[in-house]
Amino acid sequence: MPDRQVRQQIIARARRIVVKVGTNAVCDAQGRLDNKTLSSLASQLAAAIKGGMSVTLVASGAIGAGLGELGMTQRPKSMPELQACAAVGQGQLMRAFHDLLSEQGISVGQVLVTRDDFENRTRYLNIRNTLTTLGRLGALPIINENDAVAVDEIRYGDNDIIAAHVANLLGADVLVLLSVVDGVLKDGAAIDVIEQVDQHVRSLISGERSRLGSGGMKSKIEAARMVTSAGEVAVIANARMSDVLTRLLAGQRIGTVFVPARRKMSSRRRWIGQAARAAGKIVIDAGAIKALVQGGKSLLPSGVIAVSGPFPKGANVAILDAAGNQIARGLSNYSSAQIEKIKGLKTAQIARILGDKMHDEVVHRNNMTLG
């Protein structure tokens, strides 16, 4: 799909968007909140909402704002200090958005999340209900990772990935990732359009994170891949560009646009494939891979080579080839112990081995996401 077509037919007609703004965009060089950038962004967000658009904001900057408030010049490395900065800075960040948007007649609602909130199906759906209700009431949801209490085991570490999950759970038409660069750069200039996130695209970026933030272009590319693979559009643009969001939503040629896959994933498959953490692994043979990828079939026990866990019935599992490459993710109809007993067998043999046959399939196609 050409760049102009994406911008004019999808972005300019979008009715639901998720906007993520990075720490370096909302904070100045000293780590204090940049009121000029925040004021401009607030005005553009308010204009989009008043224009009838459903808008959700994922806002980094709590730790950066905390650094400035506490007089620290470097991002701390210890978890307790990071959490303390977040606790101080989160209030400053929300107060700034509250004050600026209230001038526009827009209320704001704070939603703090951790990784576990997305991995747990019930809480995942609760997040969606909260965000959609806030939007229906005319308020702007502002999401951030709950850095003040999160530890490594339950945190993503950057808001780009959270923004992708939010865009996917809401089924947003567009994810806008606002940074302090004009897009994905090649020879110093922003690439207009990226058809697919492949090794060439990844080679254009470094693994370095920003000075105050926790992400970088690498995490933005991954967020864009998650959203486009689900069938929606992603854009990376410069938050400090004049009226960047307004111009983007008007279909202007700004930033780097990521073209969506032709088929949209259902909300359930987005959760299975991207949000839920895999509890174990199932290795399958070449015949099963062909059946899944080319035939759109379910995974039968006859195609299973090996299983690792432990995991219970209903767990999210990664389905791999013999080399360890992920082919799919899905919800298992059997526990790892049961699969170990029936791997390589015909469906008709399941009842004899297990004493009962609850399902023909180890993972049903309806509970599976490829890739």
Protein backbone atom coordinates (compact mmCIF):
# COMPACT_ATOMS: atom_id res chain seq x y z
CA MET A 1 0.00 0.00 0.00
CA PRO A 2 1.58 3.33 -1.09
CA ASP A 3 2.49 6.04 1.42
CA ARG A 4 -0.16 8.47 0.15
CA GLN A 5 -2.87 5.83 0.28
CA VAL A 6 -2.08 4.97 3.91
CA ARG A 7 -2.04 8.62 4.93
CA GLN A 8 -5.19 9.65 3.08
CA GLN A 9 -7.36 6.54 3.36
CA ILE A 10 -6.43 5.34 6.85
CA ILE A 11 -4.73 8.03 8.93
CA ALA A 12 -6.86 10.96 7.72
CA ARG A 13 -10.03 8.90 8.30
CA ALA A 14 -9.01 7.45 11.66
CA ARG A 15 -11.60 7.61 14.43
CA ARG A 16 -9.61 5.96 17.24
CA ILE A 17 -5.94 6.67 17.89
CA VAL A 18 -3.33 5.97 20.55
CA VAL A 19 -0.59 8.57 20.99
CA LYS A 20 2.63 7.81 22.84
CA VAL A 21 4.96 10.64 23.79
CA GLY A 22 8.50 9.94 24.93
CA THR A 23 10.42 11.21 27.94
CA ASN A 24 12.84 13.33 25.91
CA ALA A 25 9.88 15.00 24.19
CA VAL A 26 8.14 16.06 27.41
CA CYS A 27 11.27 16.89 29.42
CA ASP A 28 14.02 19.45 28.81
CA ALA A 29 17.76 18.80 28.98
CA GLN A 30 17.69 19.10 32.78
CA GLY A 31 14.91 16.52 33.10
CA ARG A 32 12.21 19.03 33.98
CA LEU A 33 8.89 19.02 32.18
CA ASP A 34 8.95 21.08 28.98
CA ASN A 35 5.85 23.24 29.24
CA LYS A 36 6.06 24.49 25.65
CA THR A 37 5.94 20.99 24.15
CA LEU A 38 3.30 19.83 26.65
CA SER A 39 1.10 22.84 25.92
CA SER A 40 1.29 22.27 22.17
CA LEU A 41 0.54 18.57 22.54
CA ALA A 42 -2.38 19.21 24.89
CA SER A 43 -3.95 21.64 22.42
CA GLN A 44 -3.63 19.13 19.57
CA LEU A 45 -5.05 16.28 21.66
CA ALA A 46 -7.99 18.45 22.72
CA ALA A 47 -8.67 19.44 19.11
CA ALA A 48 -8.74 15.77 18.05
CA ILE A 49 -11.16 14.87 20.86
CA LYS A 50 -13.44 17.83 20.08
CA GLY A 51 -13.39 16.72 16.45
CA GLY A 52 -15.06 13.47 17.48
CA MET A 53 -11.98 11.26 17.67
CA SER A 54 -11.38 8.73 20.45
CA VAL A 55 -7.90 9.46 21.81
CA THR A 56 -5.76 7.61 24.35
CA LEU A 57 -2.41 8.98 25.50
CA VAL A 58 0.52 6.90 26.71
CA ALA A 59 2.84 9.38 28.41
CA SER A 60 6.40 8.72 29.45
CA GLY A 61 8.26 11.22 31.58
CA ALA A 62 7.46 10.35 35.21
CA ILE A 63 11.02 9.29 36.00
CA GLY A 64 12.45 12.16 33.97
CA ALA A 65 10.20 14.65 35.75
CA GLY A 66 11.19 13.11 39.06
CA LEU A 67 14.86 13.64 38.26
CA GLY A 68 14.27 17.34 37.77
CA GLU A 69 12.11 17.65 40.86
CA LEU A 70 14.70 15.86 43.02
CA GLY A 71 17.63 17.77 41.53
CA MET A 72 19.24 14.67 39.99
CA THR A 73 21.17 15.03 36.72
CA GLN A 74 21.53 11.38 35.73
CA ARG A 75 18.97 8.63 35.40
CA PRO A 76 19.64 6.33 38.41
CA LYS A 77 20.46 2.67 37.87
CA SER A 78 19.08 1.11 41.05
CA MET A 79 15.44 0.02 41.12
CA PRO A 80 14.60 1.79 44.43
CA GLU A 81 15.89 5.12 43.09
CA LEU A 82 14.04 4.69 39.81
CA GLN A 83 10.84 3.94 41.72
CA ALA A 84 11.35 6.97 43.95
CA CYS A 85 11.83 9.22 40.91
CA ALA A 86 8.68 7.79 39.34
CA ALA A 87 6.67 8.34 42.53
CA VAL A 88 7.70 12.01 42.63
CA GLY A 89 7.47 12.63 38.89
CA GLN A 90 4.14 10.90 38.13
CA GLY A 91 2.21 13.50 40.08
CA GLN A 92 4.04 16.31 38.31
CA LEU A 93 3.32 14.77 34.92
CA MET A 94 -0.38 14.33 35.60
CA ARG A 95 -0.74 17.76 37.12
CA ALA A 96 0.79 19.32 34.00
CA PHE A 97 -1.58 17.48 31.65
CA HIS A 98 -4.55 18.15 33.93
CA ASP A 99 -3.91 21.88 34.04
CA LEU A 100 -3.27 22.23 30.32
CA LEU A 101 -6.23 20.12 29.18
CA SER A 102 -8.66 21.60 31.67
CA GLU A 103 -8.09 24.93 29.90
CA GLN A 104 -9.44 23.17 26.80
CA GLY A 105 -12.44 21.76 28.69
CA ILE A 106 -11.05 18.19 28.67
CA SER A 107 -10.85 15.98 31.76
CA VAL A 108 -8.02 13.48 32.20
CA GLY A 109 -7.94 10.05 33.80
CA GLN A 110 -4.77 8.36 35.05
CA VAL A 111 -4.31 4.64 34.36
CA LEU A 112 -1.15 3.01 35.73
CA VAL A 113 -0.36 -0.51 34.50
CA THR A 114 2.19 -3.30 34.81
CA ARG A 115 3.02 -6.17 32.49
CA ASP A 116 0.87 -8.55 34.50
CA ASP A 117 -2.20 -6.41 33.78
CA PHE A 118 -1.86 -7.19 30.07
CA GLU A 119 -0.94 -10.85 30.51
CA ASN A 120 -3.95 -11.61 32.71
CA ARG A 121 -6.96 -11.93 30.40
CA THR A 122 -9.47 -10.56 32.92
CA ARG A 123 -7.39 -7.49 33.76
CA TYR A 124 -6.63 -7.01 30.06
CA LEU A 125 -10.35 -6.74 29.36
CA ASN A 126 -10.82 -4.48 32.40
CA ILE A 127 -8.23 -2.08 31.00
CA ARG A 128 -10.17 -1.94 27.73
CA ASN A 129 -13.45 -1.30 29.57
CA THR A 130 -11.91 1.51 31.61
CA LEU A 131 -10.32 3.20 28.61
CA THR A 132 -13.42 3.00 26.44
CA THR A 133 -15.61 4.33 29.26
CA LEU A 134 -13.27 7.27 29.88
CA GLY A 135 -13.39 8.06 26.18
CA ARG A 136 -17.18 7.80 26.08
CA LEU A 137 -17.36 10.30 28.93
CA GLY A 138 -15.17 12.74 27.01
CA ALA A 139 -12.07 12.30 29.16
CA LEU A 140 -8.56 11.64 27.94
CA PRO A 141 -7.05 8.45 29.41
CA ILE A 142 -3.36 8.93 30.24
CA ILE A 143 -1.46 5.67 30.66
CA ASN A 144 1.95 5.04 32.14
CA GLU A 145 3.77 2.01 33.48
CA ASN A 146 3.46 1.86 37.26
CA ASP A 147 7.19 2.38 37.76
CA ALA A 148 6.80 3.30 41.44
CA VAL A 149 5.91 -0.29 42.36
CA ALA A 150 6.87 -2.43 39.35
CA VAL A 151 9.93 -4.67 39.49
CA ASP A 152 11.75 -6.30 36.58
CA GLU A 153 9.57 -9.40 36.63
CA ILE A 154 6.34 -7.45 36.03
CA ARG A 155 7.47 -4.49 33.94
CA TYR A 156 8.02 -3.84 30.25
CA GLY A 157 10.63 -1.17 30.88
CA ASP A 158 9.40 1.24 28.23
CA ASN A 159 6.09 2.71 27.17
CA ASP A 160 6.47 2.02 23.43
CA ILE A 161 5.50 -1.62 23.94
CA ILE A 162 2.70 -0.65 26.32
CA ALA A 163 1.40 1.76 23.68
CA ALA A 164 1.36 -1.06 21.13
CA HIS A 165 -0.58 -3.30 23.51
CA VAL A 166 -3.05 -0.48 24.21
CA ALA A 167 -3.52 0.17 20.49
CA ASN A 168 -4.14 -3.53 19.92
CA LEU A 169 -6.57 -4.01 22.80
CA LEU A 170 -8.58 -0.98 21.67
CA GLY A 171 -8.36 -1.84 17.98
CA ALA A 172 -7.06 1.67 17.32
CA ASP A 173 -6.77 2.73 13.68
CA VAL A 174 -3.40 4.40 14.24
CA LEU A 175 -0.60 4.29 16.80
CA VAL A 176 1.41 7.54 16.81
CA LEU A 177 4.82 7.31 18.47
CA LEU A 178 6.14 10.82 19.17
CA SER A 179 9.85 11.15 19.81
CA VAL A 180 12.52 13.83 19.21
CA VAL A 181 13.51 12.58 15.75
CA ASP A 182 11.61 12.92 12.48
CA GLY A 183 11.10 9.18 12.04
CA VAL A 184 13.24 6.20 11.12
CA LEU A 185 16.32 7.81 9.64
CA LYS A 186 18.40 6.71 6.66
CA ASP A 187 21.34 8.91 5.66
CA GLY A 188 20.02 11.60 8.01
CA ALA A 189 16.52 11.81 6.50
CA ALA A 190 13.28 10.22 7.64
CA ILE A 191 12.01 7.27 5.60
CA ASP A 192 8.48 8.05 4.36
CA VAL A 193 7.07 4.56 4.47
CA ILE A 194 8.11 1.11 5.70
CA GLU A 195 6.24 -1.80 4.13
CA GLN A 196 7.51 -4.44 6.56
CA VAL A 197 9.73 -4.51 9.64
CA ASP A 198 12.53 -6.79 8.49
CA GLN A 199 16.26 -7.19 9.12
CA HIS A 200 17.09 -4.29 6.79
CA VAL A 201 14.88 -1.91 8.78
CA ARG A 202 16.33 -3.14 12.06
CA SER A 203 19.85 -2.56 10.71
CA LEU A 204 19.09 1.16 10.38
CA ILE A 205 18.77 1.63 14.13
CA SER A 206 21.09 1.38 17.09
CA GLY A 207 20.33 -0.39 20.34
CA GLU A 208 21.03 2.71 22.39
CA ARG A 209 18.32 4.16 24.57
CA SER A 210 17.70 7.84 25.14
CA ARG A 211 19.46 9.71 27.94
CA LEU A 212 16.42 10.17 30.18
CA GLY A 213 14.07 7.56 28.74
CA SER A 214 14.12 3.79 28.86
CA GLY A 215 13.32 3.03 25.23
CA GLY A 216 14.83 4.21 21.95
CA MET A 217 14.22 3.62 18.26
CA LYS A 218 14.59 -0.14 18.69
CA SER A 219 11.54 -0.35 20.96
CA LYS A 220 9.56 1.95 18.66
CA ILE A 221 10.28 -0.32 15.69
CA GLU A 222 9.09 -3.30 17.73
CA ALA A 223 5.93 -1.44 18.78
CA ALA A 224 5.25 -0.58 15.14
CA ARG A 225 5.76 -4.24 14.15
CA MET A 226 3.26 -5.41 16.79
CA VAL A 227 0.58 -2.99 15.62
CA THR A 228 1.05 -3.45 11.88
CA SER A 229 1.12 -7.26 12.15
CA ALA A 230 -2.32 -6.95 13.77
CA GLY A 231 -3.58 -4.95 10.78
CA GLU A 232 -3.30 -1.32 11.94
CA VAL A 233 -1.08 1.65 11.07
CA ALA A 234 1.85 2.98 13.09
CA VAL A 235 3.71 6.27 12.68
CA ILE A 236 6.94 7.58 14.22
CA ALA A 237 7.26 11.36 14.19
CA ASN A 238 8.89 14.31 15.97
CA ALA A 239 6.90 15.68 18.90
CA ARG A 240 8.66 19.02 18.63
CA MET A 241 7.57 19.60 15.03
CA SER A 242 4.95 22.35 14.79
CA ASP A 243 1.40 20.91 15.02
CA VAL A 244 2.78 17.45 14.33
CA LEU A 245 -0.27 15.49 15.48
CA THR A 246 -2.79 17.75 13.77
CA ARG A 247 -0.88 17.60 10.52
CA LEU A 248 -0.44 13.84 10.72
CA LEU A 249 -4.15 13.31 11.26
CA ALA A 250 -4.85 15.52 8.26
CA GLY A 251 -2.87 13.09 6.12
CA GLN A 252 0.20 15.25 5.62
CA ARG A 253 3.56 13.69 4.74
CA ILE A 254 5.20 13.73 8.17
CA GLY A 255 7.24 11.07 9.93
CA THR A 256 7.67 7.43 9.00
CA VAL A 257 4.51 5.45 8.27
CA PHE A 258 4.38 1.68 8.80
CA VAL A 259 2.03 -0.14 6.44
CA PRO A 260 -0.46 -2.55 8.08
CA ALA A 261 -0.86 -6.22 7.25
CA ARG A 262 -3.77 -6.90 4.92
CA ARG A 263 -5.70 -9.01 7.42
CA LYS A 264 -6.69 -7.69 10.84
CA MET A 265 -6.27 -9.91 13.87
CA SER A 266 -9.18 -10.31 16.25
CA SER A 267 -8.77 -8.83 19.71
CA ARG A 268 -8.50 -12.31 21.19
CA ARG A 269 -5.73 -13.34 18.79
CA ARG A 270 -3.83 -10.13 19.53
CA TRP A 271 -3.88 -11.03 23.20
CA ILE A 272 -2.81 -14.63 22.56
CA GLY A 273 -0.01 -13.70 20.16
CA GLN A 274 1.39 -10.58 21.78
CA ALA A 275 0.19 -9.77 25.28
CA ALA A 276 0.10 -13.08 27.13
CA ARG A 277 3.47 -14.48 28.17
CA ALA A 278 4.19 -18.04 27.04
CA ALA A 279 4.14 -20.52 29.92
CA GLY A 280 5.89 -23.24 27.93
CA LYS A 281 7.01 -24.48 24.53
CA ILE A 282 5.82 -27.08 22.03
CA VAL A 283 8.21 -28.16 19.25
CA ILE A 284 6.58 -29.41 16.05
CA ASP A 285 7.72 -31.18 12.89
CA ALA A 286 7.82 -29.92 9.30
CA GLY A 287 4.47 -31.47 8.41
CA ALA A 288 2.73 -29.71 11.29
CA ILE A 289 4.37 -26.40 10.34
CA LYS A 290 3.00 -26.71 6.80
CA ALA A 291 -0.46 -27.56 8.13
CA LEU A 292 -0.48 -24.53 10.45
CA VAL A 293 1.11 -21.94 8.17
CA GLN A 294 -0.14 -22.94 4.74
CA GLY A 295 -3.26 -24.91 5.58
CA GLY A 296 -4.63 -22.87 8.46
CA LYS A 297 -5.07 -26.07 10.47
CA SER A 298 -5.03 -26.83 14.18
CA LEU A 299 -2.06 -28.48 15.89
CA LEU A 300 -2.60 -32.23 16.36
CA PRO A 301 -0.56 -34.45 18.70
CA SER A 302 0.93 -36.32 15.73
CA GLY A 303 2.95 -33.22 14.79
CA VAL A 304 4.45 -32.65 18.23
CA ILE A 305 8.12 -33.55 18.67
CA ALA A 306 8.81 -32.22 22.17
CA VAL A 307 7.25 -30.17 24.96
CA SER A 308 8.71 -28.13 27.81
CA GLY A 309 6.95 -26.58 30.77
CA PRO A 310 5.49 -27.29 33.15
CA PHE A 311 2.19 -25.68 32.22
CA PRO A 312 -1.49 -26.46 32.86
CA LYS A 313 -4.35 -26.97 30.46
CA GLY A 314 -5.38 -23.62 28.93
CA ALA A 315 -1.91 -22.08 29.21
CA ASN A 316 -0.46 -19.84 26.51
CA VAL A 317 2.37 -21.68 24.76
CA ALA A 318 4.96 -20.90 22.12
CA ILE A 319 4.90 -23.27 19.15
CA LEU A 320 8.40 -23.67 17.70
CA ASP A 321 10.18 -25.43 14.87
CA ALA A 322 13.09 -27.79 15.54
CA ALA A 323 15.56 -24.89 15.33
CA GLY A 324 13.74 -22.93 18.04
CA ASN A 325 12.06 -20.38 15.77
CA GLN A 326 8.56 -19.37 16.84
CA ILE A 327 5.87 -20.45 14.39
CA ALA A 328 2.83 -19.51 16.46
CA ARG A 329 1.40 -18.89 19.91
CA GLY A 330 -1.73 -20.54 21.24
CA LEU A 331 -3.79 -21.80 24.16
CA SER A 332 -3.11 -25.44 24.91
CA ASN A 333 -5.98 -27.89 25.31
CA TYR A 334 -3.74 -30.16 27.38
CA SER A 335 -1.19 -29.80 30.14
CA SER A 336 2.52 -30.27 29.40
CA ALA A 337 2.43 -33.64 31.22
CA GLN A 338 -0.45 -34.81 29.04
CA ILE A 339 1.18 -33.62 25.82
CA GLU A 340 4.36 -35.48 26.78
CA LYS A 341 2.30 -38.70 26.83
CA ILE A 342 0.45 -38.16 23.53
CA LYS A 343 3.10 -36.42 21.39
CA GLY A 344 3.54 -38.07 18.00
CA LEU A 345 0.33 -40.09 18.35
CA LYS A 346 -2.79 -40.18 16.20
CA THR A 347 -5.88 -38.43 17.53
CA ALA A 348 -7.66 -41.79 17.89
CA GLN A 349 -5.02 -42.91 20.38
CA ILE A 350 -5.52 -40.04 22.86
CA ALA A 351 -8.33 -41.65 24.87
CA ARG A 352 -6.40 -44.91 25.28
CA ILE A 353 -3.33 -43.11 26.63
CA LEU A 354 -5.03 -40.49 28.80
CA GLY A 355 -8.20 -42.42 29.70
CA ASP A 356 -10.32 -39.74 28.04
CA LYS A 357 -10.21 -37.52 24.95
CA MET A 358 -11.31 -33.98 25.69
CA HIS A 359 -10.05 -32.56 22.40
CA ASP A 360 -8.70 -33.79 19.08
CA GLU A 361 -6.31 -30.84 18.91
CA VAL A 362 -3.40 -29.89 21.15
CA VAL A 363 -3.99 -26.27 20.11
CA HIS A 364 -7.10 -25.37 18.15
CA ARG A 365 -6.76 -22.99 15.22
CA ASN A 366 -9.29 -20.58 16.78
CA ASN A 367 -6.99 -20.21 19.80
CA MET A 368 -3.80 -19.69 17.81
CA THR A 369 -1.91 -16.74 16.35
CA LEU A 370 0.78 -17.30 13.72
CA GLY A 371 4.13 -15.56 13.85
